[in-house]
N, C-alpha and C. Protein backbone atom coordinates (compact mmCIF):
# COMPACT_ATOMS: atom_id res chain seq x y z
N UNK A 1 -1.75 68.29 211.00
CA UNK A 1 -2.28 68.09 209.79
C UNK A 1 -2.68 69.89 208.74
N UNK A 2 -2.13 70.43 208.68
CA UNK A 2 -2.76 71.86 208.30
C UNK A 2 -1.15 70.96 207.45
N UNK A 3 -0.51 70.58 207.21
CA UNK A 3 1.12 70.53 207.06
C UNK A 3 0.64 68.60 206.24
N UNK A 4 0.50 68.15 206.08
CA UNK A 4 -0.19 67.09 205.20
C UNK A 4 -1.36 67.09 204.18
N UNK A 5 -1.45 68.21 204.61
CA UNK A 5 -3.33 68.27 203.51
C UNK A 5 -2.22 69.41 202.78
N UNK A 6 -1.15 70.71 203.32
CA UNK A 6 -0.28 71.61 202.32
C UNK A 6 0.54 70.38 201.34
N UNK A 7 0.82 69.68 201.98
CA UNK A 7 1.97 68.79 200.76
C UNK A 7 1.57 67.93 200.23
N UNK A 8 -0.11 67.47 200.86
CA UNK A 8 -1.02 66.56 198.97
C UNK A 8 -1.75 67.82 198.39
N UNK A 9 -1.73 69.31 198.90
CA UNK A 9 -2.18 70.49 198.26
C UNK A 9 -1.44 70.85 196.74
N UNK A 10 0.07 70.86 197.36
CA UNK A 10 1.35 71.16 196.73
C UNK A 10 1.46 70.28 195.37
N UNK A 11 1.46 68.36 196.26
CA UNK A 11 1.95 66.68 195.14
C UNK A 11 0.44 67.07 193.70
N UNK A 12 -0.32 67.25 194.79
CA UNK A 12 -1.75 67.44 193.29
C UNK A 12 -1.22 67.83 192.67
N UNK A 13 -1.62 69.50 192.86
CA UNK A 13 -1.50 71.25 192.44
C UNK A 13 0.14 71.37 191.45
N UNK A 14 0.92 70.43 191.81
CA UNK A 14 2.39 70.81 191.31
C UNK A 14 3.07 72.06 191.35
N UNK A 15 3.18 71.92 192.97
CA UNK A 15 4.11 72.81 193.93
C UNK A 15 4.38 72.65 194.16
N UNK A 16 5.18 73.40 195.20
CA UNK A 16 6.76 72.64 196.44
C UNK A 16 6.46 73.62 197.24
N UNK A 17 6.42 73.06 199.17
CA UNK A 17 5.17 73.91 200.48
C UNK A 17 7.91 73.04 200.88
N UNK A 18 8.00 75.23 201.46
CA UNK A 18 8.79 74.62 201.68
C UNK A 18 8.24 75.21 203.50
N UNK A 19 8.68 74.65 204.36
CA UNK A 19 9.14 74.77 205.70
C UNK A 19 10.58 75.60 206.43
N UNK A 20 9.37 76.23 207.78
CA UNK A 20 11.49 77.01 207.86
C UNK A 20 10.06 76.74 209.98
N UNK A 21 10.92 76.65 210.54
CA UNK A 21 11.06 77.23 212.01
C UNK A 21 10.96 78.66 212.99
N UNK A 22 11.59 79.60 211.99
CA UNK A 22 11.88 80.18 212.46
C UNK A 22 12.75 81.70 211.33
N UNK A 23 12.26 82.68 211.63
CA UNK A 23 13.25 83.35 210.49
C UNK A 23 14.32 83.96 210.66
N UNK A 24 14.82 83.78 210.77
CA UNK A 24 16.02 83.74 210.69
C UNK A 24 17.60 83.02 208.87
N UNK A 25 16.18 82.55 208.25
CA UNK A 25 16.61 82.63 206.99
C UNK A 25 15.89 83.94 206.22
N UNK A 26 14.44 84.64 206.52
CA UNK A 26 14.45 85.69 205.68
C UNK A 26 14.52 86.76 205.15
N UNK A 27 14.98 87.04 204.42
CA UNK A 27 15.48 88.46 203.69
C UNK A 27 15.59 88.40 202.71
N UNK A 28 14.93 89.59 202.04
CA UNK A 28 14.92 90.57 200.53
C UNK A 28 15.22 88.63 200.15
N UNK A 29 15.75 87.73 199.69
CA UNK A 29 16.68 86.70 198.90
C UNK A 29 15.70 86.16 199.24
N UNK A 30 15.31 85.65 200.46
CA UNK A 30 14.76 84.20 200.07
C UNK A 30 13.50 84.48 199.65
N UNK A 31 12.75 85.78 200.74
CA UNK A 31 11.28 86.18 200.00
C UNK A 31 10.97 85.97 198.93
N UNK A 32 12.07 86.53 197.64
CA UNK A 32 12.43 86.43 196.17
C UNK A 32 11.94 85.41 195.26
N UNK A 33 11.62 84.53 196.52
CA UNK A 33 11.33 82.93 195.37
C UNK A 33 9.94 81.88 195.97
N UNK A 34 9.22 83.56 196.22
CA UNK A 34 7.88 82.93 196.64
C UNK A 34 6.94 83.46 196.69
N UNK A 35 6.36 82.91 196.03
CA UNK A 35 5.03 83.29 195.29
C UNK A 35 4.03 83.92 196.81
N UNK A 36 3.87 82.87 197.25
CA UNK A 36 2.86 82.77 198.74
C UNK A 36 3.57 82.72 199.61
N UNK A 37 3.31 83.91 200.75
CA UNK A 37 3.84 83.33 201.68
C UNK A 37 2.52 82.54 203.23
N UNK A 38 2.78 81.51 203.81
CA UNK A 38 1.62 81.19 204.84
C UNK A 38 2.28 81.14 205.81
N UNK A 39 1.90 81.84 206.36
CA UNK A 39 2.30 81.01 208.43
C UNK A 39 1.74 81.12 208.55
N UNK A 40 1.69 79.73 209.06
CA UNK A 40 0.87 79.25 210.54
C UNK A 40 1.23 77.99 211.45
N UNK A 41 0.15 79.27 212.19
CA UNK A 41 0.15 78.79 214.07
C UNK A 41 1.46 79.12 213.92
N UNK A 42 2.22 80.88 212.73
CA UNK A 42 3.20 81.50 214.21
C UNK A 42 3.35 82.67 214.09
N UNK A 43 3.78 82.81 215.10
CA UNK A 43 2.30 84.20 215.35
C UNK A 43 3.88 85.87 215.49
N UNK A 44 3.42 87.00 214.65
CA UNK A 44 3.99 87.59 214.41
C UNK A 44 4.95 88.65 215.84
N UNK A 45 5.34 87.39 216.14
CA UNK A 45 6.30 88.08 217.30
C UNK A 45 7.97 87.60 217.40
N UNK A 46 8.69 87.91 218.08
CA UNK A 46 9.58 87.80 217.39
C UNK A 46 10.53 86.98 216.69
N UNK A 47 10.22 87.90 215.30
CA UNK A 47 10.65 88.40 214.16
C UNK A 47 11.54 89.03 213.84
N UNK A 48 12.97 88.43 213.61
CA UNK A 48 14.22 88.58 213.39
C UNK A 48 14.37 90.28 212.64
N UNK A 49 14.83 90.86 213.04
CA UNK A 49 14.41 92.48 212.74
C UNK A 49 14.76 92.33 211.35
N UNK A 50 15.61 92.13 210.51
CA UNK A 50 15.70 91.48 208.22
C UNK A 50 14.16 90.94 208.40
N UNK A 51 14.15 89.78 209.40
CA UNK A 51 12.88 89.17 208.69
C UNK A 51 11.57 90.38 208.64
N UNK A 52 10.77 91.30 209.25
CA UNK A 52 10.16 92.50 209.98
C UNK A 52 10.39 93.67 208.65
N UNK A 53 11.99 93.81 208.30
CA UNK A 53 12.20 94.93 207.14
C UNK A 53 11.37 93.96 205.55
N UNK A 54 12.14 92.71 205.46
CA UNK A 54 11.82 91.99 204.51
C UNK A 54 11.14 91.82 203.87
N UNK A 55 9.74 91.36 205.50
CA UNK A 55 8.55 90.97 204.43
C UNK A 55 7.86 91.99 204.56
N UNK A 56 8.03 93.18 205.57
CA UNK A 56 7.34 94.44 205.34
C UNK A 56 7.11 94.92 203.28
N UNK A 57 8.57 94.62 202.90
CA UNK A 57 9.13 95.43 201.50
C UNK A 57 8.29 93.87 201.28
N UNK A 58 8.25 92.73 200.41
CA UNK A 58 7.84 92.10 200.07
C UNK A 58 6.37 91.96 200.00
N UNK A 59 5.88 92.45 201.00
CA UNK A 59 3.97 92.40 201.04
C UNK A 59 3.62 94.24 200.86
N UNK A 60 4.53 95.33 201.06
CA UNK A 60 4.04 96.60 200.31
C UNK A 60 4.45 97.47 198.77
N UNK A 61 6.11 95.87 198.86
CA UNK A 61 5.36 95.96 197.44
C UNK A 61 5.15 94.35 196.26
N UNK A 62 4.05 94.75 197.11
CA UNK A 62 3.58 93.74 195.95
C UNK A 62 3.78 92.49 195.33
N UNK A 63 5.40 92.38 196.19
CA UNK A 63 5.86 90.84 196.01
C UNK A 63 5.59 89.74 195.72
N UNK A 64 4.34 89.46 196.46
CA UNK A 64 3.44 87.67 196.90
C UNK A 64 2.30 87.77 197.71
N UNK A 65 1.76 87.02 197.71
CA UNK A 65 1.32 87.21 199.51
C UNK A 65 0.84 86.35 200.38
N UNK A 66 0.11 86.58 201.45
CA UNK A 66 0.18 85.89 202.25
C UNK A 66 -1.05 85.81 203.48
N UNK A 67 -1.01 84.69 203.98
CA UNK A 67 -1.50 83.89 204.14
C UNK A 67 -1.88 83.67 205.43
N UNK A 68 -2.00 83.49 206.97
CA UNK A 68 -1.77 82.98 208.03
C UNK A 68 -3.37 82.21 208.66
N UNK A 69 -2.20 82.02 209.11
CA UNK A 69 -3.64 80.70 209.90
C UNK A 69 -3.21 80.66 211.14
N UNK A 70 -4.53 80.82 212.39
CA UNK A 70 -4.59 80.60 214.30
C UNK A 70 -3.16 81.07 213.85
N UNK A 71 -2.20 80.92 215.82
CA UNK A 71 -1.28 82.41 215.66
C UNK A 71 -1.11 83.41 215.24
N UNK A 72 -1.38 83.05 214.20
CA UNK A 72 0.20 83.84 212.49
C UNK A 72 -1.07 85.48 212.96
N UNK A 73 -2.21 85.83 213.49
CA UNK A 73 -2.25 87.22 213.05
C UNK A 73 -2.94 87.41 214.57
N UNK A 74 -1.62 86.52 215.96
CA UNK A 74 -2.01 86.96 217.14
C UNK A 74 -0.62 87.89 217.88
N UNK A 75 -1.79 89.56 218.00
CA UNK A 75 -1.45 90.55 218.31
C UNK A 75 -1.65 91.00 219.73
N UNK A 76 -0.40 92.10 220.07
CA UNK A 76 -0.02 92.38 220.95
C UNK A 76 1.09 92.64 221.56
N UNK A 77 1.74 93.15 223.13
CA UNK A 77 3.11 92.60 223.43
C UNK A 77 3.02 91.09 224.08
N UNK A 78 3.80 90.52 223.73
CA UNK A 78 3.90 89.15 223.76
C UNK A 78 4.98 88.88 225.01
N UNK A 79 5.20 87.72 225.81
CA UNK A 79 7.39 87.22 225.81
C UNK A 79 7.85 88.73 225.74
N UNK A 80 7.70 89.50 226.03
CA UNK A 80 8.53 90.81 226.02
C UNK A 80 9.26 91.04 225.08
N UNK A 81 8.24 90.64 224.30
CA UNK A 81 7.76 91.60 223.17
C UNK A 81 7.32 92.57 222.78
N UNK A 82 7.46 93.37 221.74
CA UNK A 82 6.65 95.64 222.24
C UNK A 82 5.66 94.54 220.08
N UNK A 83 4.89 94.81 220.12
CA UNK A 83 3.42 94.76 219.74
C UNK A 83 3.82 96.06 217.73
N UNK A 84 3.98 94.65 216.84
CA UNK A 84 4.74 95.11 215.78
C UNK A 84 3.67 95.53 214.44
N UNK A 85 3.88 97.14 214.83
CA UNK A 85 2.57 98.22 214.34
C UNK A 85 2.51 97.50 212.91
N UNK A 86 3.15 97.42 211.85
CA UNK A 86 2.85 97.42 210.67
C UNK A 86 1.93 95.99 210.72
N UNK A 87 2.64 94.97 211.26
CA UNK A 87 1.55 94.02 211.05
C UNK A 87 0.51 93.88 211.55
N UNK A 88 -0.33 94.88 212.38
CA UNK A 88 -0.92 95.44 213.46
C UNK A 88 -2.32 96.11 212.07
N UNK A 89 -1.19 96.99 211.70
CA UNK A 89 -2.04 97.42 210.99
C UNK A 89 -2.21 97.05 209.44
N UNK A 90 -1.30 96.19 209.02
CA UNK A 90 -2.07 94.87 207.62
C UNK A 90 -2.93 94.08 208.25
N UNK A 91 -3.04 94.02 208.92
CA UNK A 91 -4.29 93.37 209.50
C UNK A 91 -5.60 94.12 210.29
N UNK A 92 -5.65 95.29 209.26
CA UNK A 92 -7.43 96.04 208.97
C UNK A 92 -6.76 97.18 210.12
N UNK A 93 -6.83 97.39 211.61
CA UNK A 93 -6.35 97.13 212.51
C UNK A 93 -7.54 97.34 213.28
N UNK A 94 -8.04 95.84 213.21
CA UNK A 94 -9.04 95.88 213.78
C UNK A 94 -9.31 95.42 215.06
N UNK A 95 -7.93 94.59 215.22
CA UNK A 95 -7.93 94.45 216.30
C UNK A 95 -7.40 95.10 217.42
N UNK A 96 -7.92 94.80 219.01
CA UNK A 96 -7.33 95.33 220.25
C UNK A 96 -6.10 95.81 220.50
N UNK A 97 -5.23 96.41 220.88
CA UNK A 97 -3.78 96.59 220.68
C UNK A 97 -3.70 96.69 222.10
N UNK A 98 -2.51 95.48 222.57
CA UNK A 98 -3.02 95.38 224.30
C UNK A 98 -1.24 96.29 225.01
N UNK A 99 -0.62 97.74 223.63
CA UNK A 99 -0.08 98.31 224.31
C UNK A 99 0.21 99.22 224.82
């Protein structure tokens, strides 16, 4: 449902949306093409290390914005992946950490 809405909004407002299914392509060069990173129902764990560092830099250096929906803010240790402490701080450090 969100993709249908985003695609219509993009068409009506003259911008484009690219969808990725994993963090494999995320690096500095990839992120430099975007003004906004929308994390749609993709949890903040299991990210590849290169993607983590590039995303942190992208946000910390003000190179773009971020909007997260649904599982995008799921915090804690899940499926054997450790807590992403930078992301926890990015979310305001207000959620209960399960680590």
